[in-house]
């Protein structure tokens, strides 16, 4: 299931993503088969919010994820969140 404003792009292990629900960037580590996924097939390693905090790993749903291209990789989370809010509001 995708949001109405979301592009249907195939995601792969190693893809860099932005999670619109959490407001964090991350990388896909694993993709579960549909029959095992229970709606959340993507295992994502999220970046840390501070230099002293470690990142975290979660299983997430597709509709929360946007594939990042190179222009977004260097942006900080606050800038990406503002861009996301502008697109979705």
Protein backbone atom coordinates (compact mmCIF):
# COMPACT_ATOMS: atom_id res chain seq x y z
CA UNK A 1 0.00 0.00 0.00
CA UNK A 2 1.32 3.43 -0.95
CA UNK A 3 0.31 6.99 -0.12
CA UNK A 4 -1.49 8.85 -2.90
CA UNK A 5 1.53 11.14 -3.40
CA UNK A 6 4.08 8.32 -3.31
CA UNK A 7 5.99 6.97 -6.28
CA UNK A 8 5.88 3.20 -6.80
CA UNK A 9 9.61 2.43 -6.84
CA UNK A 10 11.04 -1.02 -6.14
CA UNK A 11 13.20 -0.90 -3.04
CA UNK A 12 16.24 -3.15 -2.63
CA UNK A 13 18.69 -4.14 0.08
CA UNK A 14 21.27 -1.36 0.37
CA UNK A 15 18.92 1.43 -0.76
CA UNK A 16 19.08 4.65 1.22
CA UNK A 17 15.64 5.79 2.33
CA UNK A 18 13.83 8.52 4.22
CA UNK A 19 11.13 7.37 6.64
CA UNK A 20 8.31 9.92 6.52
CA UNK A 21 6.72 8.50 9.67
CA UNK A 22 9.84 8.75 11.82
CA UNK A 23 11.52 11.63 10.02
CA UNK A 24 14.80 9.71 9.75
CA UNK A 25 17.15 8.56 7.01
CA UNK A 26 18.25 4.94 6.89
CA UNK A 27 19.40 1.98 4.82
CA UNK A 28 17.44 -1.17 3.95
CA UNK A 29 19.17 -4.22 5.44
CA UNK A 30 16.72 -6.99 4.59
CA UNK A 31 13.41 -7.59 2.82
CA UNK A 32 11.10 -10.34 4.09
CA UNK A 33 8.90 -12.36 1.74
CA UNK A 34 5.29 -11.16 1.62
CA UNK A 35 3.97 -14.20 3.49
CA UNK A 36 6.35 -13.52 6.41
CA UNK A 37 6.19 -9.72 6.43
CA UNK A 38 2.86 -9.07 8.21
CA UNK A 39 2.74 -5.71 6.41
CA UNK A 40 6.26 -4.60 7.39
CA UNK A 41 8.72 -6.25 5.00
CA UNK A 42 11.65 -3.83 5.25
CA UNK A 43 14.37 -4.11 7.91
CA UNK A 44 15.95 -0.65 8.13
CA UNK A 45 19.02 0.63 9.95
CA UNK A 46 18.25 4.23 10.93
CA UNK A 47 20.83 6.90 11.54
CA UNK A 48 21.43 8.23 15.04
CA UNK A 49 19.94 11.57 16.05
CA UNK A 50 23.03 12.73 17.93
CA UNK A 51 26.76 12.00 17.62
CA UNK A 52 26.71 10.01 20.88
CA UNK A 53 23.59 7.95 20.13
CA UNK A 54 23.69 4.72 18.16
CA UNK A 55 21.36 4.12 15.24
CA UNK A 56 18.51 1.64 15.59
CA UNK A 57 16.95 -1.12 13.47
CA UNK A 58 13.23 -1.64 12.84
CA UNK A 59 10.86 -3.52 10.54
CA UNK A 60 8.80 -0.96 8.60
CA UNK A 61 5.99 -0.65 6.08
CA UNK A 62 6.46 0.49 2.49
CA UNK A 63 4.17 3.52 2.72
CA UNK A 64 6.55 5.16 5.24
CA UNK A 65 9.58 4.95 2.95
CA UNK A 66 10.85 7.25 0.22
CA UNK A 67 13.90 6.32 -1.83
CA UNK A 68 16.62 8.95 -1.41
CA UNK A 69 18.60 10.15 -4.36
CA UNK A 70 22.03 11.74 -4.09
CA UNK A 71 20.72 15.29 -3.63
CA UNK A 72 19.12 14.35 -0.29
CA UNK A 73 22.02 12.37 1.18
CA UNK A 74 23.96 15.40 2.36
CA UNK A 75 20.96 17.19 3.92
CA UNK A 76 20.38 17.17 7.65
CA UNK A 77 17.16 15.70 9.07
CA UNK A 78 15.56 19.08 9.83
CA UNK A 79 15.90 20.16 6.20
CA UNK A 80 14.51 16.84 4.95
CA UNK A 81 11.58 17.04 7.40
CA UNK A 82 10.71 20.55 6.15
CA UNK A 83 10.81 19.30 2.55
CA UNK A 84 8.62 16.35 3.49
CA UNK A 85 6.08 18.55 5.27
CA UNK A 86 5.90 20.89 2.29
CA UNK A 87 5.26 17.98 -0.09
CA UNK A 88 2.60 16.33 2.11
CA UNK A 89 0.70 19.42 3.28
